[in-house]
Amino acid sequence: EPETKNSVTTYCVWYGKACKDYSDI
């Protein structure tokens, strides 16, 4: 799931119950 705030996009990735955020595609 991409999310953009203040022109900066981050990506929240989930696999089952595990989640991780990325700032670099």
PDBML (XML) file of the C-alpha atoms, coordinates in Angstrom:
<?xml version="1.0" encoding="UTF-8" ?>
<PDBx:datablock datablockName="MODEL"
   xmlns:PDBx="http://pdbml.pdb.org/schema/pdbx-v50.xsd"
   xmlns:xsi="http://www.w3.org/2001/XMLSchema-instance"
   xsi:schemaLocation="http://pdbml.pdb.org/schema/pdbx-v50.xsd pdbx-v50.xsd">
   <PDBx:atom_siteCategory>
      <PDBx:atom_site id="1">
         <PDBx:B_iso_or_equiv>0.00</PDBx:B_iso_or_equiv>
         <PDBx:Cartn_x>0.000</PDBx:Cartn_x>
         <PDBx:Cartn_y>0.000</PDBx:Cartn_y>
         <PDBx:Cartn_z>0.000</PDBx:Cartn_z>
         <PDBx:auth_asym_id>A</PDBx:auth_asym_id>
         <PDBx:auth_atom_id>CA</PDBx:auth_atom_id>
         <PDBx:auth_comp_id>GLU</PDBx:auth_comp_id>
         <PDBx:auth_seq_id>1</PDBx:auth_seq_id>
         <PDBx:group_PDB>ATOM</PDBx:group_PDB>
         <PDBx:label_alt_id xsi:nil="true" />
         <PDBx:label_asym_id>A</PDBx:label_asym_id>
         <PDBx:label_atom_id>CA</PDBx:label_atom_id>
         <PDBx:label_comp_id>GLU</PDBx:label_comp_id>
         <PDBx:label_entity_id>1</PDBx:label_entity_id>
         <PDBx:label_seq_id>1</PDBx:label_seq_id>
         <PDBx:occupancy>1.00</PDBx:occupancy>
         <PDBx:pdbx_PDB_model_num>1</PDBx:pdbx_PDB_model_num>
         <PDBx:type_symbol>C</PDBx:type_symbol>
      </PDBx:atom_site>
      <PDBx:atom_site id="2">
         <PDBx:B_iso_or_equiv>0.00</PDBx:B_iso_or_equiv>
         <PDBx:Cartn_x>1.559</PDBx:Cartn_x>
         <PDBx:Cartn_y>3.292</PDBx:Cartn_y>
         <PDBx:Cartn_z>-1.105</PDBx:Cartn_z>
         <PDBx:auth_asym_id>A</PDBx:auth_asym_id>
         <PDBx:auth_atom_id>CA</PDBx:auth_atom_id>
         <PDBx:auth_comp_id>PRO</PDBx:auth_comp_id>
         <PDBx:auth_seq_id>2</PDBx:auth_seq_id>
         <PDBx:group_PDB>ATOM</PDBx:group_PDB>
         <PDBx:label_alt_id xsi:nil="true" />
         <PDBx:label_asym_id>A</PDBx:label_asym_id>
         <PDBx:label_atom_id>CA</PDBx:label_atom_id>
         <PDBx:label_comp_id>PRO</PDBx:label_comp_id>
         <PDBx:label_entity_id>1</PDBx:label_entity_id>
         <PDBx:label_seq_id>2</PDBx:label_seq_id>
         <PDBx:occupancy>1.00</PDBx:occupancy>
         <PDBx:pdbx_PDB_model_num>1</PDBx:pdbx_PDB_model_num>
         <PDBx:type_symbol>C</PDBx:type_symbol>
      </PDBx:atom_site>
      <PDBx:atom_site id="3">
         <PDBx:B_iso_or_equiv>0.00</PDBx:B_iso_or_equiv>
         <PDBx:Cartn_x>1.068</PDBx:Cartn_x>
         <PDBx:Cartn_y>6.375</PDBx:Cartn_y>
         <PDBx:Cartn_z>1.030</PDBx:Cartn_z>
         <PDBx:auth_asym_id>A</PDBx:auth_asym_id>
         <PDBx:auth_atom_id>CA</PDBx:auth_atom_id>
         <PDBx:auth_comp_id>GLU</PDBx:auth_comp_id>
         <PDBx:auth_seq_id>3</PDBx:auth_seq_id>
         <PDBx:group_PDB>ATOM</PDBx:group_PDB>
         <PDBx:label_alt_id xsi:nil="true" />
         <PDBx:label_asym_id>A</PDBx:label_asym_id>
         <PDBx:label_atom_id>CA</PDBx:label_atom_id>
         <PDBx:label_comp_id>GLU</PDBx:label_comp_id>
         <PDBx:label_entity_id>1</PDBx:label_entity_id>
         <PDBx:label_seq_id>3</PDBx:label_seq_id>
         <PDBx:occupancy>1.00</PDBx:occupancy>
         <PDBx:pdbx_PDB_model_num>1</PDBx:pdbx_PDB_model_num>
         <PDBx:type_symbol>C</PDBx:type_symbol>
      </PDBx:atom_site>
      <PDBx:atom_site id="4">
         <PDBx:B_iso_or_equiv>0.00</PDBx:B_iso_or_equiv>
         <PDBx:Cartn_x>2.215</PDBx:Cartn_x>
         <PDBx:Cartn_y>9.894</PDBx:Cartn_y>
         <PDBx:Cartn_z>0.194</PDBx:Cartn_z>
         <PDBx:auth_asym_id>A</PDBx:auth_asym_id>
         <PDBx:auth_atom_id>CA</PDBx:auth_atom_id>
         <PDBx:auth_comp_id>THR</PDBx:auth_comp_id>
         <PDBx:auth_seq_id>4</PDBx:auth_seq_id>
         <PDBx:group_PDB>ATOM</PDBx:group_PDB>
         <PDBx:label_alt_id xsi:nil="true" />
         <PDBx:label_asym_id>A</PDBx:label_asym_id>
         <PDBx:label_atom_id>CA</PDBx:label_atom_id>
         <PDBx:label_comp_id>THR</PDBx:label_comp_id>
         <PDBx:label_entity_id>1</PDBx:label_entity_id>
         <PDBx:label_seq_id>4</PDBx:label_seq_id>
         <PDBx:occupancy>1.00</PDBx:occupancy>
         <PDBx:pdbx_PDB_model_num>1</PDBx:pdbx_PDB_model_num>
         <PDBx:type_symbol>C</PDBx:type_symbol>
      </PDBx:atom_site>
      <PDBx:atom_site id="5">
         <PDBx:B_iso_or_equiv>0.00</PDBx:B_iso_or_equiv>
         <PDBx:Cartn_x>2.664</PDBx:Cartn_x>
         <PDBx:Cartn_y>12.637</PDBx:Cartn_y>
         <PDBx:Cartn_z>2.772</PDBx:Cartn_z>
         <PDBx:auth_asym_id>A</PDBx:auth_asym_id>
         <PDBx:auth_atom_id>CA</PDBx:auth_atom_id>
         <PDBx:auth_comp_id>LYS</PDBx:auth_comp_id>
         <PDBx:auth_seq_id>5</PDBx:auth_seq_id>
         <PDBx:group_PDB>ATOM</PDBx:group_PDB>
         <PDBx:label_alt_id xsi:nil="true" />
         <PDBx:label_asym_id>A</PDBx:label_asym_id>
         <PDBx:label_atom_id>CA</PDBx:label_atom_id>
         <PDBx:label_comp_id>LYS</PDBx:label_comp_id>
         <PDBx:label_entity_id>1</PDBx:label_entity_id>
         <PDBx:label_seq_id>5</PDBx:label_seq_id>
         <PDBx:occupancy>1.00</PDBx:occupancy>
         <PDBx:pdbx_PDB_model_num>1</PDBx:pdbx_PDB_model_num>
         <PDBx:type_symbol>C</PDBx:type_symbol>
      </PDBx:atom_site>
      <PDBx:atom_site id="6">
         <PDBx:B_iso_or_equiv>0.00</PDBx:B_iso_or_equiv>
         <PDBx:Cartn_x>4.390</PDBx:Cartn_x>
         <PDBx:Cartn_y>15.943</PDBx:Cartn_y>
         <PDBx:Cartn_z>2.075</PDBx:Cartn_z>
         <PDBx:auth_asym_id>A</PDBx:auth_asym_id>
         <PDBx:auth_atom_id>CA</PDBx:auth_atom_id>
         <PDBx:auth_comp_id>ASN</PDBx:auth_comp_id>
         <PDBx:auth_seq_id>6</PDBx:auth_seq_id>
         <PDBx:group_PDB>ATOM</PDBx:group_PDB>
         <PDBx:label_alt_id xsi:nil="true" />
         <PDBx:label_asym_id>A</PDBx:label_asym_id>
         <PDBx:label_atom_id>CA</PDBx:label_atom_id>
         <PDBx:label_comp_id>ASN</PDBx:label_comp_id>
         <PDBx:label_entity_id>1</PDBx:label_entity_id>
         <PDBx:label_seq_id>6</PDBx:label_seq_id>
         <PDBx:occupancy>1.00</PDBx:occupancy>
         <PDBx:pdbx_PDB_model_num>1</PDBx:pdbx_PDB_model_num>
         <PDBx:type_symbol>C</PDBx:type_symbol>
      </PDBx:atom_site>
      <PDBx:atom_site id="7">
         <PDBx:B_iso_or_equiv>0.00</PDBx:B_iso_or_equiv>
         <PDBx:Cartn_x>5.347</PDBx:Cartn_x>
         <PDBx:Cartn_y>14.676</PDBx:Cartn_y>
         <PDBx:Cartn_z>-1.408</PDBx:Cartn_z>
         <PDBx:auth_asym_id>A</PDBx:auth_asym_id>
         <PDBx:auth_atom_id>CA</PDBx:auth_atom_id>
         <PDBx:auth_comp_id>SER</PDBx:auth_comp_id>
         <PDBx:auth_seq_id>7</PDBx:auth_seq_id>
         <PDBx:group_PDB>ATOM</PDBx:group_PDB>
         <PDBx:label_alt_id xsi:nil="true" />
         <PDBx:label_asym_id>A</PDBx:label_asym_id>
         <PDBx:label_atom_id>CA</PDBx:label_atom_id>
         <PDBx:label_comp_id>SER</PDBx:label_comp_id>
         <PDBx:label_entity_id>1</PDBx:label_entity_id>
         <PDBx:label_seq_id>7</PDBx:label_seq_id>
         <PDBx:occupancy>1.00</PDBx:occupancy>
         <PDBx:pdbx_PDB_model_num>1</PDBx:pdbx_PDB_model_num>
         <PDBx:type_symbol>C</PDBx:type_symbol>
      </PDBx:atom_site>
      <PDBx:atom_site id="8">
         <PDBx:B_iso_or_equiv>0.00</PDBx:B_iso_or_equiv>
         <PDBx:Cartn_x>7.175</PDBx:Cartn_x>
         <PDBx:Cartn_y>11.637</PDBx:Cartn_y>
         <PDBx:Cartn_z>0.055</PDBx:Cartn_z>
         <PDBx:auth_asym_id>A</PDBx:auth_asym_id>
         <PDBx:auth_atom_id>CA</PDBx:auth_atom_id>
         <PDBx:auth_comp_id>VAL</PDBx:auth_comp_id>
         <PDBx:auth_seq_id>8</PDBx:auth_seq_id>
         <PDBx:group_PDB>ATOM</PDBx:group_PDB>
         <PDBx:label_alt_id xsi:nil="true" />
         <PDBx:label_asym_id>A</PDBx:label_asym_id>
         <PDBx:label_atom_id>CA</PDBx:label_atom_id>
         <PDBx:label_comp_id>VAL</PDBx:label_comp_id>
         <PDBx:label_entity_id>1</PDBx:label_entity_id>
         <PDBx:label_seq_id>8</PDBx:label_seq_id>
         <PDBx:occupancy>1.00</PDBx:occupancy>
         <PDBx:pdbx_PDB_model_num>1</PDBx:pdbx_PDB_model_num>
         <PDBx:type_symbol>C</PDBx:type_symbol>
      </PDBx:atom_site>
      <PDBx:atom_site id="9">
         <PDBx:B_iso_or_equiv>0.00</PDBx:B_iso_or_equiv>
         <PDBx:Cartn_x>5.833</PDBx:Cartn_x>
         <PDBx:Cartn_y>8.179</PDBx:Cartn_y>
         <PDBx:Cartn_z>-0.792</PDBx:Cartn_z>
         <PDBx:auth_asym_id>A</PDBx:auth_asym_id>
         <PDBx:auth_atom_id>CA</PDBx:auth_atom_id>
         <PDBx:auth_comp_id>THR</PDBx:auth_comp_id>
         <PDBx:auth_seq_id>9</PDBx:auth_seq_id>
         <PDBx:group_PDB>ATOM</PDBx:group_PDB>
         <PDBx:label_alt_id xsi:nil="true" />
         <PDBx:label_asym_id>A</PDBx:label_asym_id>
         <PDBx:label_atom_id>CA</PDBx:label_atom_id>
         <PDBx:label_comp_id>THR</PDBx:label_comp_id>
         <PDBx:label_entity_id>1</PDBx:label_entity_id>
         <PDBx:label_seq_id>9</PDBx:label_seq_id>
         <PDBx:occupancy>1.00</PDBx:occupancy>
         <PDBx:pdbx_PDB_model_num>1</PDBx:pdbx_PDB_model_num>
         <PDBx:type_symbol>C</PDBx:type_symbol>
      </PDBx:atom_site>
      <PDBx:atom_site id="10">
         <PDBx:B_iso_or_equiv>0.00</PDBx:B_iso_or_equiv>
         <PDBx:Cartn_x>6.305</PDBx:Cartn_x>
         <PDBx:Cartn_y>5.205</PDBx:Cartn_y>
         <PDBx:Cartn_z>1.495</PDBx:Cartn_z>
         <PDBx:auth_asym_id>A</PDBx:auth_asym_id>
         <PDBx:auth_atom_id>CA</PDBx:auth_atom_id>
         <PDBx:auth_comp_id>THR</PDBx:auth_comp_id>
         <PDBx:auth_seq_id>10</PDBx:auth_seq_id>
         <PDBx:group_PDB>ATOM</PDBx:group_PDB>
         <PDBx:label_alt_id xsi:nil="true" />
         <PDBx:label_asym_id>A</PDBx:label_asym_id>
         <PDBx:label_atom_id>CA</PDBx:label_atom_id>
         <PDBx:label_comp_id>THR</PDBx:label_comp_id>
         <PDBx:label_entity_id>1</PDBx:label_entity_id>
         <PDBx:label_seq_id>10</PDBx:label_seq_id>
         <PDBx:occupancy>1.00</PDBx:occupancy>
         <PDBx:pdbx_PDB_model_num>1</PDBx:pdbx_PDB_model_num>
         <PDBx:type_symbol>C</PDBx:type_symbol>
      </PDBx:atom_site>
      <PDBx:atom_site id="11">
         <PDBx:B_iso_or_equiv>0.00</PDBx:B_iso_or_equiv>
         <PDBx:Cartn_x>5.098</PDBx:Cartn_x>
         <PDBx:Cartn_y>1.654</PDBx:Cartn_y>
         <PDBx:Cartn_z>0.978</PDBx:Cartn_z>
         <PDBx:auth_asym_id>A</PDBx:auth_asym_id>
         <PDBx:auth_atom_id>CA</PDBx:auth_atom_id>
         <PDBx:auth_comp_id>TYR</PDBx:auth_comp_id>
         <PDBx:auth_seq_id>11</PDBx:auth_seq_id>
         <PDBx:group_PDB>ATOM</PDBx:group_PDB>
         <PDBx:label_alt_id xsi:nil="true" />
         <PDBx:label_asym_id>A</PDBx:label_asym_id>
         <PDBx:label_atom_id>CA</PDBx:label_atom_id>
         <PDBx:label_comp_id>TYR</PDBx:label_comp_id>
         <PDBx:label_entity_id>1</PDBx:label_entity_id>
         <PDBx:label_seq_id>11</PDBx:label_seq_id>
         <PDBx:occupancy>1.00</PDBx:occupancy>
         <PDBx:pdbx_PDB_model_num>1</PDBx:pdbx_PDB_model_num>
         <PDBx:type_symbol>C</PDBx:type_symbol>
      </PDBx:atom_site>
      <PDBx:atom_site id="12">
         <PDBx:B_iso_or_equiv>0.00</PDBx:B_iso_or_equiv>
         <PDBx:Cartn_x>3.573</PDBx:Cartn_x>
         <PDBx:Cartn_y>-0.550</PDBx:Cartn_y>
         <PDBx:Cartn_z>3.654</PDBx:Cartn_z>
         <PDBx:auth_asym_id>A</PDBx:auth_asym_id>
         <PDBx:auth_atom_id>CA</PDBx:auth_atom_id>
         <PDBx:auth_comp_id>CYS</PDBx:auth_comp_id>
         <PDBx:auth_seq_id>12</PDBx:auth_seq_id>
         <PDBx:group_PDB>ATOM</PDBx:group_PDB>
         <PDBx:label_alt_id xsi:nil="true" />
         <PDBx:label_asym_id>A</PDBx:label_asym_id>
         <PDBx:label_atom_id>CA</PDBx:label_atom_id>
         <PDBx:label_comp_id>CYS</PDBx:label_comp_id>
         <PDBx:label_entity_id>1</PDBx:label_entity_id>
         <PDBx:label_seq_id>12</PDBx:label_seq_id>
         <PDBx:occupancy>1.00</PDBx:occupancy>
         <PDBx:pdbx_PDB_model_num>1</PDBx:pdbx_PDB_model_num>
         <PDBx:type_symbol>C</PDBx:type_symbol>
      </PDBx:atom_site>
      <PDBx:atom_site id="13">
         <PDBx:B_iso_or_equiv>0.00</PDBx:B_iso_or_equiv>
         <PDBx:Cartn_x>3.984</PDBx:Cartn_x>
         <PDBx:Cartn_y>-4.236</PDBx:Cartn_y>
         <PDBx:Cartn_z>2.801</PDBx:Cartn_z>
         <PDBx:auth_asym_id>A</PDBx:auth_asym_id>
         <PDBx:auth_atom_id>CA</PDBx:auth_atom_id>
         <PDBx:auth_comp_id>VAL</PDBx:auth_comp_id>
         <PDBx:auth_seq_id>13</PDBx:auth_seq_id>
         <PDBx:group_PDB>ATOM</PDBx:group_PDB>
         <PDBx:label_alt_id xsi:nil="true" />
         <PDBx:label_asym_id>A</PDBx:label_asym_id>
         <PDBx:label_atom_id>CA</PDBx:label_atom_id>
         <PDBx:label_comp_id>VAL</PDBx:label_comp_id>
         <PDBx:label_entity_id>1</PDBx:label_entity_id>
         <PDBx:label_seq_id>13</PDBx:label_seq_id>
         <PDBx:occupancy>1.00</PDBx:occupancy>
         <PDBx:pdbx_PDB_model_num>1</PDBx:pdbx_PDB_model_num>
         <PDBx:type_symbol>C</PDBx:type_symbol>
      </PDBx:atom_site>
      <PDBx:atom_site id="14">
         <PDBx:B_iso_or_equiv>0.00</PDBx:B_iso_or_equiv>
         <PDBx:Cartn_x>2.252</PDBx:Cartn_x>
         <PDBx:Cartn_y>-7.061</PDBx:Cartn_y>
         <PDBx:Cartn_z>4.615</PDBx:Cartn_z>
         <PDBx:auth_asym_id>A</PDBx:auth_asym_id>
         <PDBx:auth_atom_id>CA</PDBx:auth_atom_id>
         <PDBx:auth_comp_id>TRP</PDBx:auth_comp_id>
         <PDBx:auth_seq_id>14</PDBx:auth_seq_id>
         <PDBx:group_PDB>ATOM</PDBx:group_PDB>
         <PDBx:label_alt_id xsi:nil="true" />
         <PDBx:label_asym_id>A</PDBx:label_asym_id>
         <PDBx:label_atom_id>CA</PDBx:label_atom_id>
         <PDBx:label_comp_id>TRP</PDBx:label_comp_id>
         <PDBx:label_entity_id>1</PDBx:label_entity_id>
         <PDBx:label_seq_id>14</PDBx:label_seq_id>
         <PDBx:occupancy>1.00</PDBx:occupancy>
         <PDBx:pdbx_PDB_model_num>1</PDBx:pdbx_PDB_model_num>
         <PDBx:type_symbol>C</PDBx:type_symbol>
      </PDBx:atom_site>
      <PDBx:atom_site id="15">
         <PDBx:B_iso_or_equiv>0.00</PDBx:B_iso_or_equiv>
         <PDBx:Cartn_x>2.585</PDBx:Cartn_x>
         <PDBx:Cartn_y>-10.820</PDBx:Cartn_y>
         <PDBx:Cartn_z>4.509</PDBx:Cartn_z>
         <PDBx:auth_asym_id>A</PDBx:auth_asym_id>
         <PDBx:auth_atom_id>CA</PDBx:auth_atom_id>
         <PDBx:auth_comp_id>TYR</PDBx:auth_comp_id>
         <PDBx:auth_seq_id>15</PDBx:auth_seq_id>
         <PDBx:group_PDB>ATOM</PDBx:group_PDB>
         <PDBx:label_alt_id xsi:nil="true" />
         <PDBx:label_asym_id>A</PDBx:label_asym_id>
         <PDBx:label_atom_id>CA</PDBx:label_atom_id>
         <PDBx:label_comp_id>TYR</PDBx:label_comp_id>
         <PDBx:label_entity_id>1</PDBx:label_entity_id>
         <PDBx:label_seq_id>15</PDBx:label_seq_id>
         <PDBx:occupancy>1.00</PDBx:occupancy>
         <PDBx:pdbx_PDB_model_num>1</PDBx:pdbx_PDB_model_num>
         <PDBx:type_symbol>C</PDBx:type_symbol>
      </PDBx:atom_site>
      <PDBx:atom_site id="16">
         <PDBx:B_iso_or_equiv>0.00</PDBx:B_iso_or_equiv>
         <PDBx:Cartn_x>0.080</PDBx:Cartn_x>
         <PDBx:Cartn_y>-12.492</PDBx:Cartn_y>
         <PDBx:Cartn_z>6.786</PDBx:Cartn_z>
         <PDBx:auth_asym_id>A</PDBx:auth_asym_id>
         <PDBx:auth_atom_id>CA</PDBx:auth_atom_id>
         <PDBx:auth_comp_id>GLY</PDBx:auth_comp_id>
         <PDBx:auth_seq_id>16</PDBx:auth_seq_id>
         <PDBx:group_PDB>ATOM</PDBx:group_PDB>
         <PDBx:label_alt_id xsi:nil="true" />
         <PDBx:label_asym_id>A</PDBx:label_asym_id>
         <PDBx:label_atom_id>CA</PDBx:label_atom_id>
         <PDBx:label_comp_id>GLY</PDBx:label_comp_id>
         <PDBx:label_entity_id>1</PDBx:label_entity_id>
         <PDBx:label_seq_id>16</PDBx:label_seq_id>
         <PDBx:occupancy>1.00</PDBx:occupancy>
         <PDBx:pdbx_PDB_model_num>1</PDBx:pdbx_PDB_model_num>
         <PDBx:type_symbol>C</PDBx:type_symbol>
      </PDBx:atom_site>
      <PDBx:atom_site id="17">
         <PDBx:B_iso_or_equiv>0.00</PDBx:B_iso_or_equiv>
         <PDBx:Cartn_x>0.490</PDBx:Cartn_x>
         <PDBx:Cartn_y>-10.690</PDBx:Cartn_y>
         <PDBx:Cartn_z>10.123</PDBx:Cartn_z>
         <PDBx:auth_asym_id>A</PDBx:auth_asym_id>
         <PDBx:auth_atom_id>CA</PDBx:auth_atom_id>
         <PDBx:auth_comp_id>LYS</PDBx:auth_comp_id>
         <PDBx:auth_seq_id>17</PDBx:auth_seq_id>
         <PDBx:group_PDB>ATOM</PDBx:group_PDB>
         <PDBx:label_alt_id xsi:nil="true" />
         <PDBx:label_asym_id>A</PDBx:label_asym_id>
         <PDBx:label_atom_id>CA</PDBx:label_atom_id>
         <PDBx:label_comp_id>LYS</PDBx:label_comp_id>
         <PDBx:label_entity_id>1</PDBx:label_entity_id>
         <PDBx:label_seq_id>17</PDBx:label_seq_id>
         <PDBx:occupancy>1.00</PDBx:occupancy>
         <PDBx:pdbx_PDB_model_num>1</PDBx:pdbx_PDB_model_num>
         <PDBx:type_symbol>C</PDBx:type_symbol>
      </PDBx:atom_site>
      <PDBx:atom_site id="18">
         <PDBx:B_iso_or_equiv>0.00</PDBx:B_iso_or_equiv>
         <PDBx:Cartn_x>3.985</PDBx:Cartn_x>
         <PDBx:Cartn_y>-9.334</PDBx:Cartn_y>
         <PDBx:Cartn_z>9.368</PDBx:Cartn_z>
         <PDBx:auth_asym_id>A</PDBx:auth_asym_id>
         <PDBx:auth_atom_id>CA</PDBx:auth_atom_id>
         <PDBx:auth_comp_id>ALA</PDBx:auth_comp_id>
         <PDBx:auth_seq_id>18</PDBx:auth_seq_id>
         <PDBx:group_PDB>ATOM</PDBx:group_PDB>
         <PDBx:label_alt_id xsi:nil="true" />
         <PDBx:label_asym_id>A</PDBx:label_asym_id>
         <PDBx:label_atom_id>CA</PDBx:label_atom_id>
         <PDBx:label_comp_id>ALA</PDBx:label_comp_id>
         <PDBx:label_entity_id>1</PDBx:label_entity_id>
         <PDBx:label_seq_id>18</PDBx:label_seq_id>
         <PDBx:occupancy>1.00</PDBx:occupancy>
         <PDBx:pdbx_PDB_model_num>1</PDBx:pdbx_PDB_model_num>
         <PDBx:type_symbol>C</PDBx:type_symbol>
      </PDBx:atom_site>
      <PDBx:atom_site id="19">
         <PDBx:B_iso_or_equiv>0.00</PDBx:B_iso_or_equiv>
         <PDBx:Cartn_x>4.273</PDBx:Cartn_x>
         <PDBx:Cartn_y>-5.726</PDBx:Cartn_y>
         <PDBx:Cartn_z>8.150</PDBx:Cartn_z>
         <PDBx:auth_asym_id>A</PDBx:auth_asym_id>
         <PDBx:auth_atom_id>CA</PDBx:auth_atom_id>
         <PDBx:auth_comp_id>CYS</PDBx:auth_comp_id>
         <PDBx:auth_seq_id>19</PDBx:auth_seq_id>
         <PDBx:group_PDB>ATOM</PDBx:group_PDB>
         <PDBx:label_alt_id xsi:nil="true" />
         <PDBx:label_asym_id>A</PDBx:label_asym_id>
         <PDBx:label_atom_id>CA</PDBx:label_atom_id>
         <PDBx:label_comp_id>CYS</PDBx:label_comp_id>
         <PDBx:label_entity_id>1</PDBx:label_entity_id>
         <PDBx:label_seq_id>19</PDBx:label_seq_id>
         <PDBx:occupancy>1.00</PDBx:occupancy>
         <PDBx:pdbx_PDB_model_num>1</PDBx:pdbx_PDB_model_num>
         <PDBx:type_symbol>C</PDBx:type_symbol>
      </PDBx:atom_site>
      <PDBx:atom_site id="20">
         <PDBx:B_iso_or_equiv>0.00</PDBx:B_iso_or_equiv>
         <PDBx:Cartn_x>7.184</PDBx:Cartn_x>
         <PDBx:Cartn_y>-3.623</PDBx:Cartn_y>
         <PDBx:Cartn_z>7.000</PDBx:Cartn_z>
         <PDBx:auth_asym_id>A</PDBx:auth_asym_id>
         <PDBx:auth_atom_id>CA</PDBx:auth_atom_id>
         <PDBx:auth_comp_id>LYS</PDBx:auth_comp_id>
         <PDBx:auth_seq_id>20</PDBx:auth_seq_id>
         <PDBx:group_PDB>ATOM</PDBx:group_PDB>
         <PDBx:label_alt_id xsi:nil="true" />
         <PDBx:label_asym_id>A</PDBx:label_asym_id>
         <PDBx:label_atom_id>CA</PDBx:label_atom_id>
         <PDBx:label_comp_id>LYS</PDBx:label_comp_id>
         <PDBx:label_entity_id>1</PDBx:label_entity_id>
         <PDBx:label_seq_id>20</PDBx:label_seq_id>
         <PDBx:occupancy>1.00</PDBx:occupancy>
         <PDBx:pdbx_PDB_model_num>1</PDBx:pdbx_PDB_model_num>
         <PDBx:type_symbol>C</PDBx:type_symbol>
      </PDBx:atom_site>
      <PDBx:atom_site id="21">
         <PDBx:B_iso_or_equiv>0.00</PDBx:B_iso_or_equiv>
         <PDBx:Cartn_x>7.529</PDBx:Cartn_x>
         <PDBx:Cartn_y>-0.066</PDBx:Cartn_y>
         <PDBx:Cartn_z>5.653</PDBx:Cartn_z>
         <PDBx:auth_asym_id>A</PDBx:auth_asym_id>
         <PDBx:auth_atom_id>CA</PDBx:auth_atom_id>
         <PDBx:auth_comp_id>ASP</PDBx:auth_comp_id>
         <PDBx:auth_seq_id>21</PDBx:auth_seq_id>
         <PDBx:group_PDB>ATOM</PDBx:group_PDB>
         <PDBx:label_alt_id xsi:nil="true" />
         <PDBx:label_asym_id>A</PDBx:label_asym_id>
         <PDBx:label_atom_id>CA</PDBx:label_atom_id>
         <PDBx:label_comp_id>ASP</PDBx:label_comp_id>
         <PDBx:label_entity_id>1</PDBx:label_entity_id>
         <PDBx:label_seq_id>21</PDBx:label_seq_id>
         <PDBx:occupancy>1.00</PDBx:occupancy>
         <PDBx:pdbx_PDB_model_num>1</PDBx:pdbx_PDB_model_num>
         <PDBx:type_symbol>C</PDBx:type_symbol>
      </PDBx:atom_site>
      <PDBx:atom_site id="22">
         <PDBx:B_iso_or_equiv>0.00</PDBx:B_iso_or_equiv>
         <PDBx:Cartn_x>9.806</PDBx:Cartn_x>
         <PDBx:Cartn_y>0.967</PDBx:Cartn_y>
         <PDBx:Cartn_z>2.809</PDBx:Cartn_z>
         <PDBx:auth_asym_id>A</PDBx:auth_asym_id>
         <PDBx:auth_atom_id>CA</PDBx:auth_atom_id>
         <PDBx:auth_comp_id>TYR</PDBx:auth_comp_id>
         <PDBx:auth_seq_id>22</PDBx:auth_seq_id>
         <PDBx:group_PDB>ATOM</PDBx:group_PDB>
         <PDBx:label_alt_id xsi:nil="true" />
         <PDBx:label_asym_id>A</PDBx:label_asym_id>
         <PDBx:label_atom_id>CA</PDBx:label_atom_id>
         <PDBx:label_comp_id>TYR</PDBx:label_comp_id>
         <PDBx:label_entity_id>1</PDBx:label_entity_id>
         <PDBx:label_seq_id>22</PDBx:label_seq_id>
         <PDBx:occupancy>1.00</PDBx:occupancy>
         <PDBx:pdbx_PDB_model_num>1</PDBx:pdbx_PDB_model_num>
         <PDBx:type_symbol>C</PDBx:type_symbol>
      </PDBx:atom_site>
      <PDBx:atom_site id="23">
         <PDBx:B_iso_or_equiv>0.00</PDBx:B_iso_or_equiv>
         <PDBx:Cartn_x>10.780</PDBx:Cartn_x>
         <PDBx:Cartn_y>4.411</PDBx:Cartn_y>
         <PDBx:Cartn_z>1.561</PDBx:Cartn_z>
         <PDBx:auth_asym_id>A</PDBx:auth_asym_id>
         <PDBx:auth_atom_id>CA</PDBx:auth_atom_id>
         <PDBx:auth_comp_id>SER</PDBx:auth_comp_id>
         <PDBx:auth_seq_id>23</PDBx:auth_seq_id>
         <PDBx:group_PDB>ATOM</PDBx:group_PDB>
         <PDBx:label_alt_id xsi:nil="true" />
         <PDBx:label_asym_id>A</PDBx:label_asym_id>
         <PDBx:label_atom_id>CA</PDBx:label_atom_id>
         <PDBx:label_comp_id>SER</PDBx:label_comp_id>
         <PDBx:label_entity_id>1</PDBx:label_entity_id>
         <PDBx:label_seq_id>23</PDBx:label_seq_id>
         <PDBx:occupancy>1.00</PDBx:occupancy>
         <PDBx:pdbx_PDB_model_num>1</PDBx:pdbx_PDB_model_num>
         <PDBx:type_symbol>C</PDBx:type_symbol>
      </PDBx:atom_site>
      <PDBx:atom_site id="24">
         <PDBx:B_iso_or_equiv>0.00</PDBx:B_iso_or_equiv>
         <PDBx:Cartn_x>12.650</PDBx:Cartn_x>
         <PDBx:Cartn_y>3.053</PDBx:Cartn_y>
         <PDBx:Cartn_z>-1.482</PDBx:Cartn_z>
         <PDBx:auth_asym_id>A</PDBx:auth_asym_id>
         <PDBx:auth_atom_id>CA</PDBx:auth_atom_id>
         <PDBx:auth_comp_id>ASP</PDBx:auth_comp_id>
         <PDBx:auth_seq_id>24</PDBx:auth_seq_id>
         <PDBx:group_PDB>ATOM</PDBx:group_PDB>
         <PDBx:label_alt_id xsi:nil="true" />
         <PDBx:label_asym_id>A</PDBx:label_asym_id>
         <PDBx:label_atom_id>CA</PDBx:label_atom_id>
         <PDBx:label_comp_id>ASP</PDBx:label_comp_id>
         <PDBx:label_entity_id>1</PDBx:label_entity_id>
         <PDBx:label_seq_id>24</PDBx:label_seq_id>
         <PDBx:occupancy>1.00</PDBx:occupancy>
         <PDBx:pdbx_PDB_model_num>1</PDBx:pdbx_PDB_model_num>
         <PDBx:type_symbol>C</PDBx:type_symbol>
      </PDBx:atom_site>
      <PDBx:atom_site id="25">
         <PDBx:B_iso_or_equiv>0.00</PDBx:B_iso_or_equiv>
         <PDBx:Cartn_x>10.820</PDBx:Cartn_x>
         <PDBx:Cartn_y>1.036</PDBx:Cartn_y>
         <PDBx:Cartn_z>-4.133</PDBx:Cartn_z>
         <PDBx:auth_asym_id>A</PDBx:auth_asym_id>
         <PDBx:auth_atom_id>CA</PDBx:auth_atom_id>
         <PDBx:auth_comp_id>ILE</PDBx:auth_comp_id>
         <PDBx:auth_seq_id>25</PDBx:auth_seq_id>
         <PDBx:group_PDB>ATOM</PDBx:group_PDB>
         <PDBx:label_alt_id xsi:nil="true" />
         <PDBx:label_asym_id>A</PDBx:label_asym_id>
         <PDBx:label_atom_id>CA</PDBx:label_atom_id>
         <PDBx:label_comp_id>ILE</PDBx:label_comp_id>
         <PDBx:label_entity_id>1</PDBx:label_entity_id>
         <PDBx:label_seq_id>25</PDBx:label_seq_id>
         <PDBx:occupancy>1.00</PDBx:occupancy>
         <PDBx:pdbx_PDB_model_num>1</PDBx:pdbx_PDB_model_num>
         <PDBx:type_symbol>C</PDBx:type_symbol>
      </PDBx:atom_site>
   </PDBx:atom_siteCategory>
</PDBx:datablock>
